PDB file of N, CA and C in Angstrom:
ATOM      1  N   MET A   1      65.171 -29.022  43.082  1.00  0.00           N
ATOM      2  CA  MET A   1      65.763 -27.733  42.806  1.00  0.00           C
ATOM      3  C   MET A   1      65.183 -27.135  41.528  1.00  0.00           C
ATOM      4  N   LYS A   2      64.733 -27.954  40.609  1.00  0.00           N
ATOM      5  CA  LYS A   2      64.179 -27.462  39.370  1.00  0.00           C
ATOM      6  C   LYS A   2      62.924 -26.624  39.597  1.00  0.00           C
ATOM      7  N   PRO A   3      61.962 -27.020  40.464  1.00  0.00           N
ATOM      8  CA  PRO A   3      60.785 -26.181  40.701  1.00  0.00           C
ATOM      9  C   PRO A   3      61.163 -24.810  41.283  1.00  0.00           C
ATOM     10  N   LEU A   4      62.195 -24.741  42.132  1.00  0.00           N
ATOM     11  CA  LEU A   4      62.627 -23.473  42.703  1.00  0.00           C
ATOM     12  C   LEU A   4      63.170 -22.561  41.607  1.00  0.00           C
ATOM     13  N   LYS A   5      63.931 -23.120  40.687  1.00  0.00           N
ATOM     14  CA  LYS A   5      64.482 -22.342  39.584  1.00  0.00           C
ATOM     15  C   LYS A   5      63.362 -21.795  38.707  1.00  0.00           C
ATOM     16  N   GLN A   6      62.347 -22.611  38.432  1.00  0.00           N
ATOM     17  CA  GLN A   6      61.213 -22.165  37.630  1.00  0.00           C
ATOM     18  C   GLN A   6      60.437 -21.066  38.354  1.00  0.00           C
ATOM     19  N   LEU A   7      60.297 -21.202  39.655  1.00  0.00           N
ATOM     20  CA  LEU A   7      59.598 -20.200  40.443  1.00  0.00           C
ATOM     21  C   LEU A   7      60.342 -18.869  40.417  1.00  0.00           C
ATOM     22  N   LEU A   8      61.663 -18.913  40.541  1.00  0.00           N
ATOM     23  CA  LEU A   8      62.471 -17.692  40.500  1.00  0.00           C
ATOM     24  C   LEU A   8      62.392 -17.017  39.134  1.00  0.00           C
ATOM     25  N   ILE A   9      62.437 -17.803  38.089  1.00  0.00           N
ATOM     26  CA  ILE A   9      62.331 -17.255  36.733  1.00  0.00           C
ATOM     27  C   ILE A   9      60.954 -16.626  36.531  1.00  0.00           C
ATOM     28  N   ALA A  10      59.907 -17.309  36.986  1.00  0.00           N
ATOM     29  CA  ALA A  10      58.550 -16.772  36.854  1.00  0.00           C
ATOM     30  C   ALA A  10      58.398 -15.470  37.637  1.00  0.00           C
ATOM     31  N   ALA A  11      58.965 -15.403  38.829  1.00  0.00           N
ATOM     32  CA  ALA A  11      58.891 -14.184  39.645  1.00  0.00           C
ATOM     33  C   ALA A  11      59.641 -13.041  38.964  1.00  0.00           C
ATOM     34  N   ALA A  12      60.803 -13.339  38.416  1.00  0.00           N
ATOM     35  CA  ALA A  12      61.588 -12.309  37.736  1.00  0.00           C
ATOM     36  C   ALA A  12      60.855 -11.787  36.509  1.00  0.00           C
ATOM     37  N   LEU A  13      60.251 -12.682  35.740  1.00  0.00           N
ATOM     38  CA  LEU A  13      59.504 -12.271  34.549  1.00  0.00           C
ATOM     39  C   LEU A  13      58.275 -11.445  34.908  1.00  0.00           C
ATOM     40  N   SER A  14      57.564 -11.838  35.950  1.00  0.00           N
ATOM     41  CA  SER A  14      56.369 -11.080  36.329  1.00  0.00           C
ATOM     42  C   SER A  14      56.751  -9.700  36.843  1.00  0.00           C
ATOM     43  N   THR A  15      57.886  -9.591  37.527  1.00  0.00           N
ATOM     44  CA  THR A  15      58.361  -8.287  37.985  1.00  0.00           C
ATOM     45  C   THR A  15      58.742  -7.423  36.791  1.00  0.00           C
ATOM     46  N   LEU A  16      59.418  -8.005  35.832  1.00  0.00           N
ATOM     47  CA  LEU A  16      59.814  -7.282  34.633  1.00  0.00           C
ATOM     48  C   LEU A  16      58.587  -6.799  33.865  1.00  0.00           C
ATOM     49  N   VAL A  17      57.601  -7.653  33.690  1.00  0.00           N
ATOM     50  CA  VAL A  17      56.378  -7.293  32.989  1.00  0.00           C
ATOM     51  C   VAL A  17      55.648  -6.189  33.750  1.00  0.00           C
ATOM     52  N   ALA A  18      55.602  -6.269  35.059  1.00  0.00           N
ATOM     53  CA  ALA A  18      54.942  -5.246  35.859  1.00  0.00           C
ATOM     54  C   ALA A  18      55.627  -3.901  35.689  1.00  0.00           C
ATOM     55  N   CYS A  19      56.939  -3.886  35.642  1.00  0.00           N
ATOM     56  CA  CYS A  19      57.683  -2.638  35.456  1.00  0.00           C
ATOM     57  C   CYS A  19      57.438  -2.048  34.077  1.00  0.00           C
ATOM     58  N   VAL A  20      57.404  -2.892  33.087  1.00  0.00           N
ATOM     59  CA  VAL A  20      57.219  -2.421  31.719  1.00  0.00           C
ATOM     60  C   VAL A  20      55.808  -1.903  31.494  1.00  0.00           C
ATOM     61  N   THR A  21      54.816  -2.550  32.036  1.00  0.00           N
ATOM     62  CA  THR A  21      53.437  -2.172  31.754  1.00  0.00           C
ATOM     63  C   THR A  21      52.910  -1.059  32.641  1.00  0.00           C
ATOM     64  N   THR A  22      53.513  -0.792  33.799  1.00  0.00           N
ATOM     65  CA  THR A  22      52.969   0.217  34.687  1.00  0.00           C
ATOM     66  C   THR A  22      53.560   1.608  34.464  1.00  0.00           C
ATOM     67  N   GLU A  23      54.701   1.726  33.797  1.00  0.00           N
ATOM     68  CA  GLU A  23      55.287   3.029  33.573  1.00  0.00           C
ATOM     69  C   GLU A  23      54.660   3.678  32.345  1.00  0.00           C
ATOM     70  N   PRO A  24      54.224   4.932  32.478  1.00  0.00           N
ATOM     71  CA  PRO A  24      53.609   5.590  31.323  1.00  0.00           C
ATOM     72  C   PRO A  24      54.649   5.904  30.254  1.00  0.00           C
ATOM     73  N   ALA A  25      54.225   5.852  29.031  1.00  0.00           N
ATOM     74  CA  ALA A  25      55.119   6.180  27.926  1.00  0.00           C
ATOM     75  C   ALA A  25      55.328   7.686  27.891  1.00  0.00           C
ATOM     76  N   PRO A  26      56.548   8.125  27.589  1.00  0.00           N
ATOM     77  CA  PRO A  26      56.771   9.568  27.510  1.00  0.00           C
ATOM     78  C   PRO A  26      55.953  10.169  26.371  1.00  0.00           C
ATOM     79  N   THR A  27      55.421  11.348  26.609  1.00  0.00           N
ATOM     80  CA  THR A  27      54.622  12.003  25.580  1.00  0.00           C
ATOM     81  C   THR A  27      55.440  13.105  24.930  1.00  0.00           C
ATOM     82  N   ALA A  28      55.371  13.170  23.638  1.00  0.00           N
ATOM     83  CA  ALA A  28      56.073  14.211  22.899  1.00  0.00           C
ATOM     84  C   ALA A  28      55.172  15.434  22.816  1.00  0.00           C
ATOM     85  N   VAL A  29      55.777  16.598  22.920  1.00  0.00           N
ATOM     86  CA  VAL A  29      55.026  17.834  22.805  1.00  0.00           C
ATOM     87  C   VAL A  29      55.063  18.256  21.345  1.00  0.00           C
ATOM     88  N   ASP A  30      53.894  18.472  20.778  1.00  0.00           N
ATOM     89  CA  ASP A  30      53.809  18.937  19.400  1.00  0.00           C
ATOM     90  C   ASP A  30      53.480  20.423  19.400  1.00  0.00           C
ATOM     91  N   TYR A  31      54.382  21.221  18.846  1.00  0.00           N
ATOM     92  CA  TYR A  31      54.157  22.654  18.720  1.00  0.00           C
ATOM     93  C   TYR A  31      53.687  22.938  17.297  1.00  0.00           C
ATOM     94  N   ASN A  32      52.967  24.032  17.124  1.00  0.00           N
ATOM     95  CA  ASN A  32      52.537  24.428  15.796  1.00  0.00           C
ATOM     96  C   ASN A  32      52.640  25.941  15.647  1.00  0.00           C
ATOM     97  N   TYR A  33      52.212  26.460  14.520  1.00  0.00           N
ATOM     98  CA  TYR A  33      52.330  27.887  14.228  1.00  0.00           C
ATOM     99  C   TYR A  33      51.600  28.769  15.236  1.00  0.00           C
ATOM    100  N   ASP A  34      50.660  28.213  15.975  1.00  0.00           N
ATOM    101  CA  ASP A  34      49.831  28.978  16.898  1.00  0.00           C
ATOM    102  C   ASP A  34      50.227  28.774  18.369  1.00  0.00           C
ATOM    103  N   SER A  35      51.201  27.923  18.650  1.00  0.00           N
ATOM    104  CA  SER A  35      51.587  27.607  20.029  1.00  0.00           C
ATOM    105  C   SER A  35      52.056  28.829  20.805  1.00  0.00           C
ATOM    106  N   TRP A  36      52.675  29.774  20.137  1.00  0.00           N
ATOM    107  CA  TRP A  36      53.206  30.950  20.825  1.00  0.00           C
ATOM    108  C   TRP A  36      52.113  31.738  21.537  1.00  0.00           C
ATOM    109  N   ARG A  37      50.889  31.690  21.038  1.00  0.00           N
ATOM    110  CA  ARG A  37      49.793  32.487  21.623  1.00  0.00           C
ATOM    111  C   ARG A  37      49.535  32.127  23.087  1.00  0.00           C
ATOM    112  N   THR A  38      49.769  30.888  23.459  1.00  0.00           N
ATOM    113  CA  THR A  38      49.548  30.476  24.851  1.00  0.00           C
ATOM    114  C   THR A  38      50.843  30.384  25.646  1.00  0.00           C
ATOM    115  N   MET A  39      51.983  30.450  24.973  1.00  0.00           N
ATOM    116  CA  MET A  39      53.253  30.241  25.656  1.00  0.00           C
ATOM    117  C   MET A  39      54.089  31.514  25.814  1.00  0.00           C
ATOM    118  N   ILE A  40      53.828  32.523  25.007  1.00  0.00           N
ATOM    119  CA  ILE A  40      54.584  33.773  25.065  1.00  0.00           C
ATOM    120  C   ILE A  40      53.752  34.801  25.828  1.00  0.00           C
ATOM    121  N   PRO A  41      54.326  35.439  26.862  1.00  0.00           N
ATOM    122  CA  PRO A  41      53.564  36.429  27.630  1.00  0.00           C
ATOM    123  C   PRO A  41      53.202  37.655  26.780  1.00  0.00           C
ATOM    124  N   ASP A  42      52.090  38.301  27.110  1.00  0.00           N
ATOM    125  CA  ASP A  42      51.639  39.483  26.372  1.00  0.00           C
ATOM    126  C   ASP A  42      52.670  40.600  26.372  1.00  0.00           C
ATOM    127  N   SER A  43      53.505  40.656  27.398  1.00  0.00           N
ATOM    128  CA  SER A  43      54.497  41.722  27.506  1.00  0.00           C
ATOM    129  C   SER A  43      55.707  41.514  26.592  1.00  0.00           C
ATOM    130  N   CYS A  44      55.865  40.347  26.019  1.00  0.00           N
ATOM    131  CA  CYS A  44      57.007  40.038  25.150  1.00  0.00           C
ATOM    132  C   CYS A  44      56.788  40.655  23.767  1.00  0.00           C
ATOM    133  N   THR A  45      57.772  41.415  23.292  1.00  0.00           N
ATOM    134  CA  THR A  45      57.630  42.087  21.992  1.00  0.00           C
ATOM    135  C   THR A  45      58.459  41.441  20.879  1.00  0.00           C
ATOM    136  N   HIS A  46      59.468  40.660  21.212  1.00  0.00           N
ATOM    137  CA  HIS A  46      60.286  39.936  20.232  1.00  0.00           C
ATOM    138  C   HIS A  46      60.360  38.479  20.674  1.00  0.00           C
ATOM    139  N   PHE A  47      59.988  37.576  19.790  1.00  0.00           N
ATOM    140  CA  PHE A  47      59.984  36.163  20.175  1.00  0.00           C
ATOM    141  C   PHE A  47      60.228  35.256  18.993  1.00  0.00           C
ATOM    142  N   PHE A  48      60.579  34.030  19.317  1.00  0.00           N
ATOM    143  CA  PHE A  48      60.744  32.939  18.358  1.00  0.00           C
ATOM    144  C   PHE A  48      59.480  32.105  18.479  1.00  0.00           C
ATOM    145  N   ASP A  49      58.711  31.978  17.411  1.00  0.00           N
ATOM    146  CA  ASP A  49      57.427  31.267  17.485  1.00  0.00           C
ATOM    147  C   ASP A  49      57.561  29.756  17.322  1.00  0.00           C
ATOM    148  N   GLY A  50      58.782  29.269  17.255  1.00  0.00           N
ATOM    149  CA  GLY A  50      59.031  27.845  17.048  1.00  0.00           C
ATOM    150  C   GLY A  50      59.614  27.585  15.678  1.00  0.00           C
ATOM    151  N   CYS A  51      59.550  28.615  14.821  1.00  0.00           N
ATOM    152  CA  CYS A  51      60.064  28.513  13.462  1.00  0.00           C
ATOM    153  C   CYS A  51      60.605  29.856  12.992  1.00  0.00           C
ATOM    154  N   ASN A  52      59.868  30.917  13.247  1.00  0.00           N
ATOM    155  CA  ASN A  52      60.196  32.252  12.767  1.00  0.00           C
ATOM    156  C   ASN A  52      60.457  33.211  13.915  1.00  0.00           C
ATOM    157  N   THR A  53      61.143  34.315  13.611  1.00  0.00           N
ATOM    158  CA  THR A  53      61.294  35.374  14.601  1.00  0.00           C
ATOM    159  C   THR A  53      60.167  36.372  14.359  1.00  0.00           C
ATOM    160  N   CYS A  54      59.629  36.891  15.458  1.00  0.00           N
ATOM    161  CA  CYS A  54      58.446  37.748  15.380  1.00  0.00           C
ATOM    162  C   CYS A  54      58.611  38.995  16.240  1.00  0.00           C
ATOM    163  N   SER A  55      57.878  40.037  15.873  1.00  0.00           N
ATOM    164  CA  SER A  55      57.807  41.274  16.647  1.00  0.00           C
ATOM    165  C   SER A  55      56.355  41.698  16.737  1.00  0.00           C
ATOM    166  N   ARG A  56      56.019  42.361  17.852  1.00  0.00           N
ATOM    167  CA  ARG A  56      54.667  42.887  18.016  1.00  0.00           C
ATOM    168  C   ARG A  56      54.705  44.030  19.026  1.00  0.00           C
ATOM    169  N   ALA A  57      53.673  44.840  19.005  1.00  0.00           N
ATOM    170  CA  ALA A  57      53.530  45.906  19.990  1.00  0.00           C
ATOM    171  C   ALA A  57      53.176  45.260  21.325  1.00  0.00           C
ATOM    172  N   PRO A  58      53.600  45.846  22.446  1.00  0.00           N
ATOM    173  CA  PRO A  58      53.267  45.266  23.760  1.00  0.00           C
ATOM    174  C   PRO A  58      51.760  45.061  23.917  1.00  0.00           C
ATOM    175  N   GLY A  59      51.359  43.833  24.261  1.00  0.00           N
ATOM    176  CA  GLY A  59      49.962  43.502  24.483  1.00  0.00           C
ATOM    177  C   GLY A  59      49.162  43.212  23.226  1.00  0.00           C
ATOM    178  N   ALA A  60      49.752  43.371  22.036  1.00  0.00           N
ATOM    179  CA  ALA A  60      49.029  43.129  20.781  1.00  0.00           C
ATOM    180  C   ALA A  60      48.797  41.633  20.573  1.00  0.00           C
ATOM    181  N   GLU A  61      47.681  41.308  19.942  1.00  0.00           N
ATOM    182  CA  GLU A  61      47.373  39.904  19.649  1.00  0.00           C
ATOM    183  C   GLU A  61      48.092  39.415  18.395  1.00  0.00           C
ATOM    184  N   MET A  62      48.322  40.304  17.451  1.00  0.00           N
ATOM    185  CA  MET A  62      48.961  39.945  16.183  1.00  0.00           C
ATOM    186  C   MET A  62      50.451  40.244  16.245  1.00  0.00           C
ATOM    187  N   ALA A  63      51.214  39.528  15.430  1.00  0.00           N
ATOM    188  CA  ALA A  63      52.655  39.731  15.359  1.00  0.00           C
ATOM    189  C   ALA A  63      53.105  39.671  13.908  1.00  0.00           C
ATOM    190  N   ALA A  64      54.178  40.370  13.594  1.00  0.00           N
ATOM    191  CA  ALA A  64      54.798  40.308  12.274  1.00  0.00           C
ATOM    192  C   ALA A  64      55.960  39.325  12.377  1.00  0.00           C
ATOM    193  N   CYS A  65      55.918  38.286  11.561  1.00  0.00           N
ATOM    194  CA  CYS A  65      56.922  37.226  11.644  1.00  0.00           C
ATOM    195  C   CYS A  65      57.568  36.974  10.292  1.00  0.00           C
ATOM    196  N   THR A  66      58.787  36.455  10.312  1.00  0.00           N
ATOM    197  CA  THR A  66      59.409  35.989   9.081  1.00  0.00           C
ATOM    198  C   THR A  66      58.574  34.813   8.576  1.00  0.00           C
ATOM    199  N   ARG A  67      58.774  34.419   7.342  1.00  0.00           N
ATOM    200  CA  ARG A  67      57.962  33.360   6.743  1.00  0.00           C
ATOM    201  C   ARG A  67      58.802  32.173   6.295  1.00  0.00           C
ATOM    202  N   MET A  68      59.470  31.528   7.243  1.00  0.00           N
ATOM    203  CA  MET A  68      60.272  30.356   6.935  1.00  0.00           C
ATOM    204  C   MET A  68      59.366  29.124   6.831  1.00  0.00           C
ATOM    205  N   ALA A  69      59.717  28.195   5.989  1.00  0.00           N
ATOM    206  CA  ALA A  69      58.995  26.922   5.909  1.00  0.00           C
ATOM    207  C   ALA A  69      59.548  26.001   6.993  1.00  0.00           C
ATOM    208  N   CYS A  70      58.684  25.453   7.814  1.00  0.00           N
ATOM    209  CA  CYS A  70      59.140  24.624   8.934  1.00  0.00           C
ATOM    210  C   CYS A  70      58.456  23.262   8.916  1.00  0.00           C
ATOM    211  N   PRO A  71      59.228  22.201   8.724  1.00  0.00           N
ATOM    212  CA  PRO A  71      58.625  20.871   8.784  1.00  0.00           C
ATOM    213  C   PRO A  71      58.175  20.512  10.199  1.00  0.00           C
ATOM    214  N   LYS A  72      58.864  21.081  11.205  1.00  0.00           N
ATOM    215  CA  LYS A  72      58.498  20.794  12.590  1.00  0.00           C
ATOM    216  C   LYS A  72      58.785  22.030  13.437  1.00  0.00           C
ATOM    217  N   TYR A  73      57.799  22.450  14.212  1.00  0.00           N
ATOM    218  CA  TYR A  73      57.965  23.611  15.083  1.00  0.00           C
ATOM    219  C   TYR A  73      58.654  23.216  16.385  1.00  0.00           C
ATOM    220  N   GLU A  74      59.456  24.132  16.916  1.00  0.00           N
ATOM    221  CA  GLU A  74      60.129  23.948  18.201  1.00  0.00           C
ATOM    222  C   GLU A  74      59.361  24.726  19.271  1.00  0.00           C
ATOM    223  N   LYS A  75      59.872  24.702  20.482  1.00  0.00           N
ATOM    224  CA  LYS A  75      59.233  25.407  21.584  1.00  0.00           C
ATOM    225  C   LYS A  75      59.386  26.923  21.401  1.00  0.00           C
ATOM    226  N   PRO A  76      58.291  27.688  21.455  1.00  0.00           N
ATOM    227  CA  PRO A  76      58.375  29.141  21.358  1.00  0.00           C
ATOM    228  C   PRO A  76      59.119  29.745  22.553  1.00  0.00           C
ATOM    229  N   VAL A  77      59.885  30.835  22.291  1.00  0.00           N
ATOM    230  CA  VAL A  77      60.707  31.468  23.323  1.00  0.00           C
ATOM    231  C   VAL A  77      60.661  32.988  23.153  1.00  0.00           C
ATOM    232  N   CYS A  78      60.512  33.707  24.263  1.00  0.00           N
ATOM    233  CA  CYS A  78      60.591  35.165  24.247  1.00  0.00           C
ATOM    234  C   CYS A  78      62.054  35.567  24.080  1.00  0.00           C
ATOM    235  N   LEU A  79      62.318  36.518  23.189  1.00  0.00           N
ATOM    236  CA  LEU A  79      63.685  36.963  22.907  1.00  0.00           C
ATOM    237  C   LEU A  79      63.969  38.358  23.445  1.00  0.00           C
ATOM    238  N   ASP A  80      63.069  38.942  24.203  1.00  0.00           N
ATOM    239  CA  ASP A  80      63.259  40.309  24.700  1.00  0.00           C
ATOM    240  C   ASP A  80      64.565  40.473  25.449  1.00  0.00           C
ATOM    241  N   ASP A  81      64.911  39.574  26.332  1.00  0.00           N
ATOM    242  CA  ASP A  81      66.158  39.693  27.094  1.00  0.00           C
ATOM    243  C   ASP A  81      67.364  39.643  26.168  1.00  0.00           C
ATOM    244  N   GLN A  82      67.331  38.784  25.160  1.00  0.00           N
ATOM    245  CA  GLN A  82      68.443  38.673  24.219  1.00  0.00           C
ATOM    246  C   GLN A  82      68.539  39.920  23.342  1.00  0.00           C
ATOM    247  N   THR A  83      67.397  40.489  22.950  1.00  0.00           N
ATOM    248  CA  THR A  83      67.375  41.698  22.135  1.00  0.00           C
ATOM    249  C   THR A  83      67.948  42.874  22.902  1.00  0.00           C
ATOM    250  N   GLN A  84      67.566  43.024  24.171  1.00  0.00           N
ATOM    251  CA  GLN A  84      68.052  44.120  24.989  1.00  0.00           C
ATOM    252  C   GLN A  84      69.551  43.979  25.229  1.00  0.00           C
ATOM    253  N   ALA A  85      70.041  42.772  25.403  1.00  0.00           N
ATOM    254  CA  ALA A  85      71.468  42.552  25.629  1.00  0.00           C
ATOM    255  C   ALA A  85      72.263  42.947  24.378  1.00  0.00           C
ATOM    256  N   THR A  86      71.735  42.655  23.191  1.00  0.00           N
ATOM    257  CA  THR A  86      72.410  42.986  21.947  1.00  0.00           C
ATOM    258  C   THR A  86      72.438  44.502  21.748  1.00  0.00           C
ATOM    259  N   VAL A  87      71.335  45.182  22.052  1.00  0.00           N
ATOM    260  CA  VAL A  87      71.259  46.634  21.895  1.00  0.00           C
ATOM    261  C   VAL A  87      72.213  47.324  22.868  1.00  0.00           C
ATOM    262  N   ALA A  88      72.366  46.805  24.076  1.00  0.00           N
ATOM    263  CA  ALA A  88      73.230  47.401  25.090  1.00  0.00           C
ATOM    264  C   ALA A  88      74.700  47.266  24.732  1.00  0.00           C
ATOM    265  N   GLU A  89      75.068  46.272  23.959  1.00  0.00           N
ATOM    266  CA  GLU A  89      76.486  46.048  23.610  1.00  0.00           C
ATOM    267  C   GLU A  89      76.971  46.996  22.620  1.00  0.00           C
TER     268      GLU A  89
END
């Protein structure tokens, strides 16, 4: 019975090792001051660049943004829908 127990333990360990080594590690997304250029549509005129709030003319490449110090940038988001909702209220 001892060899069977060793075989079962070895099978369980090899399955565990296979599960641990075959799954890819999750990747973290790193945003920076320039991430908004590829993530915010050209039609968006008010957006959060991951740190600051920004405004620009429709289709413009440049934007005027607040100048907050940010140790880590978040995901950029278009705020046009939120701005229009606030103006309508």
